[in-house]
Amino acid sequence: MDGRHPALARLDVLVGRWTVQPKVDGVGSAWTEFAWQEGGAFLRQYTDADPIPPTTPDPWRDHAPFPTTTVIGLDDAAGEFTTLYADARGVYRVYRMTFADDVWTMWRDAPGFNQRFTGTLSADGDTVDGRWEMSENGVTWNLDFELTYTRVR
């Protein structure tokens, strides 16, 4: 592939391995790794966790998605990214995404289960504090959970 689109460089800060810690009592951490694919045309995110301990709260234990794979690509006309998500539960989703000014956003509009994510990259580039929200009607949003990504390498 000749010449990487400059917008893709915004995602370079995500490349590497991170610990992912949901801010939910009794839920352990996971890890995620971002790596460029196809000569830098796509960014792949793979996430997994150790086996879920029996002390994990029911909703989390019963719905653990691991492993998950996300592929991020660019729409150069819109300057937006699209993410394709799949997980071990057989869930497949498409999100729109931006990453600008150290703010990472993803969202999807789906009848009865709209979702959005906002994460803020720390000044040193080694932490992302984020939150997932959900809405049944696309108007009233509720916190699903907060999480922190911490760079390992």
Protein backbone atom coordinates (compact mmCIF):
# COMPACT_ATOMS: atom_id res chain seq x y z
CA MET A 1 0.00 0.00 0.00
CA ASP A 2 1.41 3.36 -1.03
CA GLY A 3 1.23 6.17 1.47
CA ARG A 4 -0.59 5.88 4.74
CA HIS A 5 -3.41 8.37 5.26
CA PRO A 6 -2.32 11.00 7.84
CA ALA A 7 -5.51 10.55 9.91
CA LEU A 8 -4.38 7.02 10.79
CA ALA A 9 -1.39 8.48 12.65
CA ARG A 10 -3.82 9.69 15.34
CA LEU A 11 -4.20 6.04 16.39
CA ASP A 12 -0.45 5.37 16.78
CA VAL A 13 -0.75 6.34 20.46
CA LEU A 14 -2.91 3.23 21.06
CA VAL A 15 -0.39 0.75 19.64
CA GLY A 16 0.95 -1.62 22.29
CA ARG A 17 -0.28 -3.71 25.19
CA TRP A 18 -2.56 -2.33 27.90
CA THR A 19 -4.17 -3.56 31.11
CA VAL A 20 -7.92 -2.94 31.14
CA GLN A 21 -9.57 -2.51 34.53
CA PRO A 22 -13.34 -2.03 34.76
CA LYS A 23 -14.31 0.07 37.78
CA VAL A 24 -16.77 -2.54 39.04
CA ASP A 25 -16.45 -4.21 42.45
CA GLY A 26 -15.31 -7.82 42.15
CA VAL A 27 -14.40 -7.64 38.44
CA GLY A 28 -10.79 -8.42 37.59
CA SER A 29 -8.63 -6.90 34.91
CA ALA A 30 -8.18 -7.91 31.30
CA TRP A 31 -5.54 -7.00 28.75
CA THR A 32 -5.74 -5.60 25.27
CA GLU A 33 -3.24 -5.20 22.48
CA PHE A 34 -3.42 -2.79 19.54
CA ALA A 35 -1.33 -3.59 16.43
CA TRP A 36 -1.28 -2.27 12.87
CA GLN A 37 -2.38 -4.68 10.13
CA GLU A 38 -2.08 -4.61 6.35
CA GLY A 39 0.82 -2.18 6.32
CA GLY A 40 -0.90 0.29 8.61
CA ALA A 41 -4.28 0.39 6.86
CA PHE A 42 -6.16 -1.14 9.81
CA LEU A 43 -5.65 -1.17 13.56
CA ARG A 44 -6.53 -4.47 15.25
CA GLN A 45 -7.47 -4.62 18.93
CA TYR A 46 -7.47 -8.03 20.61
CA THR A 47 -8.68 -8.29 24.21
CA ASP A 48 -8.68 -11.25 26.58
CA ALA A 49 -8.71 -12.01 30.30
CA ASP A 50 -7.81 -14.76 32.70
CA PRO A 51 -10.68 -17.11 33.55
CA ILE A 52 -13.46 -15.27 35.38
CA PRO A 53 -13.33 -16.08 39.11
CA PRO A 54 -16.51 -17.42 40.75
CA THR A 55 -16.59 -14.34 43.03
CA THR A 56 -17.25 -12.07 40.03
CA PRO A 57 -20.76 -10.54 40.18
CA ASP A 58 -23.36 -12.45 38.14
CA PRO A 59 -24.01 -9.99 35.31
CA TRP A 60 -20.28 -9.79 34.58
CA ARG A 61 -19.55 -13.49 34.96
CA ASP A 62 -22.52 -14.55 32.86
CA HIS A 63 -21.82 -12.09 30.05
CA ALA A 64 -18.02 -12.02 29.85
CA PRO A 65 -17.19 -11.37 26.19
CA PHE A 66 -13.58 -12.62 26.09
CA PRO A 67 -11.79 -12.89 23.82
CA THR A 68 -12.83 -9.93 21.68
CA THR A 69 -11.47 -8.63 18.38
CA THR A 70 -11.97 -5.17 16.93
CA VAL A 71 -10.72 -3.94 13.57
CA ILE A 72 -10.55 -0.17 13.08
CA GLY A 73 -10.54 1.38 9.61
CA LEU A 74 -10.76 4.92 8.25
CA ASP A 75 -13.40 6.59 6.10
CA ASP A 76 -11.17 9.22 4.52
CA ALA A 77 -14.10 11.22 3.13
CA ALA A 78 -15.68 11.71 6.56
CA GLY A 79 -12.46 11.69 8.60
CA GLU A 80 -14.13 9.15 10.89
CA PHE A 81 -13.18 5.63 11.79
CA THR A 82 -15.36 2.56 11.78
CA THR A 83 -14.83 -0.31 14.16
CA LEU A 84 -15.96 -3.87 13.56
CA TYR A 85 -16.34 -5.78 16.84
CA ALA A 86 -16.79 -9.49 17.52
CA ASP A 87 -16.62 -11.48 20.76
CA ALA A 88 -16.77 -15.00 22.17
CA ARG A 89 -20.51 -14.69 22.89
CA GLY A 90 -21.22 -14.42 19.17
CA VAL A 91 -21.88 -10.67 19.38
CA TYR A 92 -21.02 -8.63 16.26
CA ARG A 93 -21.28 -4.84 16.23
CA VAL A 94 -20.30 -1.85 14.12
CA TYR A 95 -19.32 1.40 15.81
CA ARG A 96 -18.40 4.81 14.46
CA MET A 97 -15.30 6.26 16.07
CA THR A 98 -13.19 9.40 16.38
CA PHE A 99 -9.85 10.01 18.05
CA ALA A 100 -8.86 13.66 18.29
CA ASP A 101 -7.34 15.97 20.91
CA ASP A 102 -6.66 12.96 23.17
CA VAL A 103 -10.36 12.03 23.27
CA TRP A 104 -11.45 8.64 21.95
CA THR A 105 -15.15 8.23 21.17
CA MET A 106 -17.15 5.31 19.81
CA TRP A 107 -20.90 5.02 19.34
CA ARG A 108 -23.59 2.94 17.74
CA ASP A 109 -27.26 3.56 17.21
CA ALA A 110 -29.22 0.34 17.53
CA PRO A 111 -32.92 0.02 18.35
CA GLY A 112 -33.30 -0.59 22.08
CA PHE A 113 -29.54 -0.71 22.79
CA ASN A 114 -27.61 2.41 21.79
CA GLN A 115 -24.07 2.58 23.12
CA ARG A 116 -21.34 5.17 23.40
CA PHE A 117 -17.81 5.23 24.78
CA THR A 118 -15.70 8.22 25.72
CA GLY A 119 -12.08 7.84 26.80
CA THR A 120 -9.52 10.51 27.62
CA LEU A 121 -5.82 9.90 27.05
CA SER A 122 -3.51 11.12 29.81
CA ALA A 123 -0.83 13.73 29.06
CA ASP A 124 1.91 11.05 29.18
CA GLY A 125 -0.06 8.78 26.80
CA ASP A 126 -0.02 5.83 29.19
CA THR A 127 -3.57 5.88 30.58
CA VAL A 128 -7.04 6.13 29.09
CA ASP A 129 -9.89 6.79 31.50
CA GLY A 130 -13.14 5.82 29.86
CA ARG A 131 -16.79 5.14 30.31
CA TRP A 132 -19.40 3.14 28.42
CA GLU A 133 -22.95 4.41 28.42
CA MET A 134 -26.14 2.88 27.09
CA SER A 135 -29.56 4.12 26.07
CA GLU A 136 -32.75 2.33 25.11
CA ASN A 137 -34.15 5.33 23.23
CA GLY A 138 -31.05 7.27 22.13
CA VAL A 139 -32.09 10.23 24.31
CA THR A 140 -31.67 9.21 27.94
CA TRP A 141 -28.18 7.83 28.61
CA ASN A 142 -27.10 5.76 31.63
CA LEU A 143 -23.65 4.75 32.77
CA ASP A 144 -22.94 1.11 31.93
CA PHE A 145 -19.45 1.04 33.47
CA GLU A 146 -16.20 2.97 33.74
CA LEU A 147 -12.79 1.51 32.96
CA THR A 148 -9.12 2.42 32.79
CA TYR A 149 -6.59 1.35 30.19
CA THR A 150 -3.00 1.42 31.47
CA ARG A 151 -0.11 0.95 29.04
CA VAL A 152 2.07 -2.07 29.80
CA ARG A 153 4.41 -1.68 26.79
